[in-house]
Amino acid sequence: MTGEQRRVLRCPNAGEPVEHLPLCPLWLCRRCGQPWPCGAAKLALLAEYQDKRASRFLYVAGCLHDAIDDLHRLNPAETGTAAGMFDRFLGWPARHTKSHGLATTRAVEIEET
């Protein structure tokens, strides 16, 4: 478990700057109140896992799993669609990888022929 993952599990002390980490079980950003991962959290995750894309996907996939459980437990009607939850947690990192853009471009070329 990385240092960033451990920080998700502890509460910040009073007066300590609050980072863009999830507030569980609501899965809102502790700092800006947006659905987590918010824009700033995404940037931080991209920077932290810059050379470890597989680790970034595994981390956010674990967060997705926990968020689905937490949000469904709080209010099953408001959990969101599977596609929406996937895009919120796993769709954005795929858009920031070089291989994703190449695969998408190649798929379009194949479909056009």
N, C-alpha and C. Protein backbone atom coordinates (compact mmCIF):
# COMPACT_ATOMS: atom_id res chain seq x y z
N MET A 1 0.85 -1.17 0.00
CA MET A 1 0.00 0.00 0.00
C MET A 1 0.90 1.23 0.00
N THR A 2 0.62 2.19 -0.87
CA THR A 2 1.44 3.39 -0.95
C THR A 2 1.07 4.36 0.16
N GLY A 3 1.89 5.37 0.36
CA GLY A 3 1.60 6.38 1.37
C GLY A 3 0.29 7.09 1.10
N GLU A 4 0.00 7.35 -0.19
CA GLU A 4 -1.25 8.02 -0.54
C GLU A 4 -2.45 7.17 -0.15
N GLN A 5 -2.37 5.85 -0.36
CA GLN A 5 -3.47 4.97 0.00
C GLN A 5 -3.69 4.97 1.50
N ARG A 6 -2.63 4.99 2.28
CA ARG A 6 -2.77 5.01 3.73
C ARG A 6 -3.43 6.30 4.21
N ARG A 7 -3.14 7.43 3.53
CA ARG A 7 -3.73 8.71 3.93
C ARG A 7 -5.23 8.72 3.70
N VAL A 8 -5.72 7.96 2.75
CA VAL A 8 -7.16 7.90 2.52
C VAL A 8 -7.86 7.36 3.76
N LEU A 9 -7.22 6.47 4.48
CA LEU A 9 -7.83 5.80 5.61
C LEU A 9 -7.79 6.59 6.90
N ARG A 10 -7.00 7.65 6.98
CA ARG A 10 -6.94 8.41 8.23
C ARG A 10 -7.59 9.76 8.08
N CYS A 11 -8.10 10.29 9.16
CA CYS A 11 -8.73 11.60 9.15
C CYS A 11 -7.67 12.67 9.35
N PRO A 12 -7.76 13.79 8.65
CA PRO A 12 -6.79 14.86 8.85
C PRO A 12 -6.97 15.50 10.22
N ASN A 13 -5.86 15.96 10.80
CA ASN A 13 -5.91 16.65 12.08
C ASN A 13 -6.44 18.06 11.87
N ALA A 14 -6.99 18.65 12.92
CA ALA A 14 -7.50 20.02 12.85
C ALA A 14 -6.35 20.95 12.48
N GLY A 15 -6.58 21.85 11.55
CA GLY A 15 -5.55 22.79 11.13
C GLY A 15 -4.64 22.25 10.04
N GLU A 16 -4.68 20.95 9.80
CA GLU A 16 -3.86 20.33 8.76
C GLU A 16 -4.51 20.58 7.41
N PRO A 17 -3.73 20.94 6.38
CA PRO A 17 -4.34 21.17 5.07
C PRO A 17 -5.02 19.90 4.58
N VAL A 18 -6.21 20.05 4.07
CA VAL A 18 -6.97 18.90 3.59
C VAL A 18 -6.67 18.71 2.12
N GLU A 19 -6.26 17.50 1.77
CA GLU A 19 -5.99 17.19 0.38
C GLU A 19 -7.28 16.74 -0.30
N HIS A 20 -7.21 16.56 -1.58
CA HIS A 20 -8.37 16.12 -2.36
C HIS A 20 -8.48 14.60 -2.26
N LEU A 21 -8.89 14.15 -1.08
CA LEU A 21 -9.05 12.72 -0.80
C LEU A 21 -10.53 12.43 -0.58
N PRO A 22 -10.92 11.17 -0.73
CA PRO A 22 -12.35 10.84 -0.59
C PRO A 22 -12.83 10.88 0.86
N LEU A 23 -14.03 11.38 1.03
CA LEU A 23 -14.71 11.34 2.31
C LEU A 23 -15.69 10.17 2.22
N CYS A 24 -15.33 9.08 2.86
CA CYS A 24 -16.15 7.87 2.80
C CYS A 24 -17.15 7.87 3.94
N PRO A 25 -18.31 7.34 3.77
CA PRO A 25 -18.81 6.53 2.67
C PRO A 25 -19.52 7.34 1.58
N LEU A 26 -19.42 8.68 1.62
CA LEU A 26 -20.12 9.51 0.64
C LEU A 26 -19.38 9.59 -0.69
N TRP A 27 -18.09 9.35 -0.67
CA TRP A 27 -17.24 9.43 -1.86
C TRP A 27 -17.30 10.81 -2.51
N LEU A 28 -17.23 11.82 -1.62
CA LEU A 28 -17.08 13.20 -2.04
C LEU A 28 -15.68 13.65 -1.65
N CYS A 29 -15.16 14.63 -2.35
CA CYS A 29 -13.83 15.15 -2.03
C CYS A 29 -13.88 15.89 -0.70
N ARG A 30 -12.91 15.60 0.17
CA ARG A 30 -12.83 16.24 1.48
C ARG A 30 -12.60 17.74 1.36
N ARG A 31 -11.96 18.16 0.28
CA ARG A 31 -11.58 19.56 0.16
C ARG A 31 -12.61 20.39 -0.60
N CYS A 32 -13.05 19.91 -1.76
CA CYS A 32 -13.92 20.74 -2.61
C CYS A 32 -15.37 20.26 -2.65
N GLY A 33 -15.66 19.08 -2.11
CA GLY A 33 -17.02 18.59 -2.05
C GLY A 33 -17.56 17.98 -3.33
N GLN A 34 -16.75 17.92 -4.37
CA GLN A 34 -17.17 17.32 -5.64
C GLN A 34 -17.11 15.80 -5.54
N PRO A 35 -17.82 15.09 -6.41
CA PRO A 35 -17.69 13.63 -6.42
C PRO A 35 -16.22 13.24 -6.62
N TRP A 36 -15.75 12.33 -5.77
CA TRP A 36 -14.35 11.91 -5.85
C TRP A 36 -14.22 10.76 -6.83
N PRO A 37 -13.20 10.74 -7.68
CA PRO A 37 -12.09 11.67 -7.75
C PRO A 37 -12.45 12.95 -8.48
N CYS A 38 -12.22 14.07 -7.82
CA CYS A 38 -12.46 15.38 -8.42
C CYS A 38 -11.30 15.68 -9.38
N GLY A 39 -11.37 16.79 -10.07
CA GLY A 39 -10.32 17.15 -11.02
C GLY A 39 -8.95 17.22 -10.39
N ALA A 40 -8.85 17.84 -9.22
CA ALA A 40 -7.55 17.96 -8.55
C ALA A 40 -7.03 16.59 -8.10
N ALA A 41 -7.93 15.71 -7.65
CA ALA A 41 -7.52 14.36 -7.24
C ALA A 41 -7.01 13.57 -8.45
N LYS A 42 -7.67 13.74 -9.58
CA LYS A 42 -7.22 13.05 -10.80
C LYS A 42 -5.82 13.50 -11.19
N LEU A 43 -5.58 14.81 -11.12
CA LEU A 43 -4.25 15.32 -11.44
C LEU A 43 -3.20 14.78 -10.47
N ALA A 44 -3.55 14.73 -9.19
CA ALA A 44 -2.63 14.20 -8.19
C ALA A 44 -2.34 12.72 -8.43
N LEU A 45 -3.38 11.96 -8.79
CA LEU A 45 -3.19 10.53 -9.07
C LEU A 45 -2.34 10.32 -10.33
N LEU A 46 -2.57 11.14 -11.34
CA LEU A 46 -1.74 11.04 -12.55
C LEU A 46 -0.28 11.33 -12.23
N ALA A 47 -0.03 12.32 -11.40
CA ALA A 47 1.35 12.65 -11.02
C ALA A 47 1.97 11.57 -10.15
N GLU A 48 1.21 11.08 -9.17
CA GLU A 48 1.75 10.08 -8.25
C GLU A 48 2.06 8.76 -8.95
N TYR A 49 1.20 8.37 -9.84
CA TYR A 49 1.35 7.08 -10.53
C TYR A 49 1.82 7.28 -11.97
N GLN A 50 2.59 8.33 -12.22
CA GLN A 50 3.00 8.69 -13.57
C GLN A 50 3.66 7.52 -14.31
N ASP A 51 4.55 6.83 -13.69
CA ASP A 51 5.25 5.72 -14.33
C ASP A 51 4.69 4.37 -13.91
N LYS A 52 3.54 4.35 -13.23
CA LYS A 52 2.95 3.11 -12.73
C LYS A 52 1.47 3.06 -13.07
N ARG A 53 1.18 3.03 -14.38
CA ARG A 53 -0.22 3.08 -14.81
C ARG A 53 -1.03 1.90 -14.29
N ALA A 54 -0.45 0.72 -14.30
CA ALA A 54 -1.18 -0.46 -13.81
C ALA A 54 -1.53 -0.29 -12.34
N SER A 55 -0.60 0.25 -11.57
CA SER A 55 -0.86 0.49 -10.14
C SER A 55 -1.97 1.52 -9.96
N ARG A 56 -1.99 2.55 -10.81
CA ARG A 56 -3.05 3.56 -10.73
C ARG A 56 -4.41 2.92 -11.02
N PHE A 57 -4.48 2.09 -12.05
CA PHE A 57 -5.75 1.42 -12.37
C PHE A 57 -6.18 0.51 -11.23
N LEU A 58 -5.25 -0.22 -10.64
CA LEU A 58 -5.59 -1.11 -9.52
C LEU A 58 -6.09 -0.31 -8.33
N TYR A 59 -5.45 0.82 -8.05
CA TYR A 59 -5.87 1.65 -6.92
C TYR A 59 -7.29 2.19 -7.13
N VAL A 60 -7.54 2.79 -8.32
CA VAL A 60 -8.87 3.36 -8.53
C VAL A 60 -9.93 2.28 -8.71
N ALA A 61 -9.52 1.09 -9.18
CA ALA A 61 -10.48 -0.02 -9.27
C ALA A 61 -10.90 -0.45 -7.87
N GLY A 62 -9.96 -0.48 -6.93
CA GLY A 62 -10.30 -0.78 -5.54
C GLY A 62 -11.21 0.28 -4.95
N CYS A 63 -10.94 1.54 -5.29
CA CYS A 63 -11.81 2.63 -4.84
C CYS A 63 -13.21 2.48 -5.43
N LEU A 64 -13.29 2.10 -6.70
CA LEU A 64 -14.59 1.89 -7.35
C LEU A 64 -15.37 0.80 -6.62
N HIS A 65 -14.71 -0.28 -6.31
CA HIS A 65 -15.36 -1.39 -5.59
C HIS A 65 -15.90 -0.91 -4.25
N ASP A 66 -15.08 -0.20 -3.50
CA ASP A 66 -15.50 0.31 -2.19
C ASP A 66 -16.64 1.33 -2.33
N ALA A 67 -16.54 2.20 -3.35
CA ALA A 67 -17.56 3.23 -3.54
C ALA A 67 -18.91 2.61 -3.90
N ILE A 68 -18.90 1.60 -4.74
CA ILE A 68 -20.16 0.94 -5.09
C ILE A 68 -20.81 0.36 -3.85
N ASP A 69 -20.02 -0.32 -3.02
CA ASP A 69 -20.57 -0.89 -1.78
C ASP A 69 -21.11 0.20 -0.86
N ASP A 70 -20.30 1.23 -0.63
CA ASP A 70 -20.69 2.30 0.28
C ASP A 70 -21.93 3.05 -0.21
N LEU A 71 -21.91 3.45 -1.47
CA LEU A 71 -23.01 4.24 -2.01
C LEU A 71 -24.29 3.44 -2.12
N HIS A 72 -24.17 2.17 -2.45
CA HIS A 72 -25.36 1.32 -2.53
C HIS A 72 -25.96 1.13 -1.14
N ARG A 73 -25.10 0.98 -0.14
CA ARG A 73 -25.56 0.82 1.24
C ARG A 73 -26.27 2.08 1.72
N LEU A 74 -25.78 3.26 1.34
CA LEU A 74 -26.39 4.52 1.77
C LEU A 74 -27.74 4.75 1.10
N ASN A 75 -27.79 4.55 -0.23
CA ASN A 75 -29.03 4.78 -0.97
C ASN A 75 -28.95 4.06 -2.31
N PRO A 76 -29.50 2.85 -2.39
CA PRO A 76 -29.40 2.06 -3.63
C PRO A 76 -29.93 2.78 -4.86
N ALA A 77 -30.93 3.63 -4.70
CA ALA A 77 -31.51 4.32 -5.85
C ALA A 77 -30.59 5.41 -6.40
N GLU A 78 -29.65 5.87 -5.61
CA GLU A 78 -28.78 6.97 -6.03
C GLU A 78 -27.34 6.56 -6.29
N THR A 79 -27.06 5.27 -6.34
CA THR A 79 -25.69 4.81 -6.55
C THR A 79 -25.15 5.25 -7.90
N GLY A 80 -25.98 5.28 -8.89
CA GLY A 80 -25.56 5.63 -10.25
C GLY A 80 -25.52 4.39 -11.11
N THR A 81 -25.43 4.62 -12.40
CA THR A 81 -25.39 3.50 -13.32
C THR A 81 -24.00 2.87 -13.30
N ALA A 82 -23.93 1.64 -13.76
CA ALA A 82 -22.63 0.97 -13.85
C ALA A 82 -21.70 1.75 -14.78
N ALA A 83 -22.23 2.24 -15.91
CA ALA A 83 -21.42 3.01 -16.85
C ALA A 83 -20.93 4.31 -16.23
N GLY A 84 -21.79 4.98 -15.48
CA GLY A 84 -21.40 6.24 -14.83
C GLY A 84 -20.33 6.03 -13.77
N MET A 85 -20.49 4.98 -12.97
CA MET A 85 -19.49 4.68 -11.93
C MET A 85 -18.17 4.27 -12.57
N PHE A 86 -18.23 3.48 -13.64
CA PHE A 86 -17.01 3.07 -14.34
C PHE A 86 -16.28 4.29 -14.87
N ASP A 87 -17.00 5.18 -15.52
CA ASP A 87 -16.36 6.36 -16.09
C ASP A 87 -15.78 7.26 -15.00
N ARG A 88 -16.49 7.39 -13.90
CA ARG A 88 -16.04 8.23 -12.79
C ARG A 88 -14.71 7.73 -12.21
N PHE A 89 -14.55 6.42 -12.09
CA PHE A 89 -13.36 5.87 -11.45
C PHE A 89 -12.32 5.33 -12.43
N LEU A 90 -12.74 4.68 -13.50
CA LEU A 90 -11.78 4.03 -14.38
C LEU A 90 -11.73 4.61 -15.78
N GLY A 91 -12.75 5.31 -16.21
CA GLY A 91 -12.76 5.85 -17.57
C GLY A 91 -11.75 6.95 -17.78
N TRP A 92 -11.61 7.85 -16.80
CA TRP A 92 -10.69 8.97 -16.98
C TRP A 92 -9.23 8.55 -17.08
N PRO A 93 -8.74 7.55 -16.30
CA PRO A 93 -7.32 7.21 -16.48
C PRO A 93 -7.05 6.64 -17.86
N ALA A 94 -8.02 5.93 -18.43
CA ALA A 94 -7.83 5.35 -19.76
C ALA A 94 -7.66 6.46 -20.80
N ARG A 95 -8.32 7.58 -20.60
CA ARG A 95 -8.21 8.68 -21.55
C ARG A 95 -6.86 9.38 -21.45
N HIS A 96 -6.10 9.10 -20.39
CA HIS A 96 -4.80 9.76 -20.19
C HIS A 96 -3.63 8.83 -20.48
N THR A 97 -3.88 7.75 -21.20
CA THR A 97 -2.79 6.84 -21.55
C THR A 97 -2.56 6.89 -23.05
N LYS A 98 -1.32 6.80 -23.44
CA LYS A 98 -0.98 6.82 -24.85
C LYS A 98 -1.58 5.62 -25.57
N SER A 99 -1.56 4.46 -24.94
CA SER A 99 -2.05 3.25 -25.59
C SER A 99 -3.55 3.33 -25.85
N HIS A 100 -4.30 4.01 -24.98
CA HIS A 100 -5.74 4.14 -25.19
C HIS A 100 -6.03 4.91 -26.48
N GLY A 101 -5.34 6.01 -26.68
CA GLY A 101 -5.55 6.80 -27.89
C GLY A 101 -5.18 6.03 -29.14
N LEU A 102 -4.11 5.26 -29.08
CA LEU A 102 -3.72 4.46 -30.23
C LEU A 102 -4.73 3.37 -30.51
N ALA A 103 -5.20 2.71 -29.46
CA ALA A 103 -6.16 1.63 -29.65
C ALA A 103 -7.46 2.18 -30.22
N THR A 104 -7.90 3.32 -29.74
CA THR A 104 -9.13 3.92 -30.23
C THR A 104 -8.98 4.32 -31.70
N THR A 105 -7.86 4.93 -32.05
CA THR A 105 -7.61 5.33 -33.42
C THR A 105 -7.57 4.11 -34.32
N ARG A 106 -6.91 3.07 -33.89
CA ARG A 106 -6.81 1.84 -34.68
C ARG A 106 -8.18 1.20 -34.84
N ALA A 107 -9.00 1.20 -33.83
CA ALA A 107 -10.35 0.62 -33.92
C ALA A 107 -11.19 1.38 -34.93
N VAL A 108 -11.06 2.71 -34.97
CA VAL A 108 -11.81 3.51 -35.92
C VAL A 108 -11.35 3.18 -37.34
N GLU A 109 -10.04 3.03 -37.54
CA GLU A 109 -9.51 2.69 -38.86
C GLU A 109 -10.05 1.35 -39.32
N ILE A 110 -10.12 0.37 -38.42
CA ILE A 110 -10.61 -0.96 -38.77
C ILE A 110 -12.08 -0.89 -39.15
N GLU A 111 -12.87 -0.13 -38.37
CA GLU A 111 -14.30 -0.01 -38.64
C GLU A 111 -14.56 0.68 -39.97
N GLU A 112 -13.71 1.63 -40.35
CA GLU A 112 -13.92 2.37 -41.58
C GLU A 112 -13.62 1.53 -42.82
N THR A 113 -12.80 0.50 -42.69
CA THR A 113 -12.45 -0.33 -43.85
C THR A 113 -13.46 -1.41 -44.11
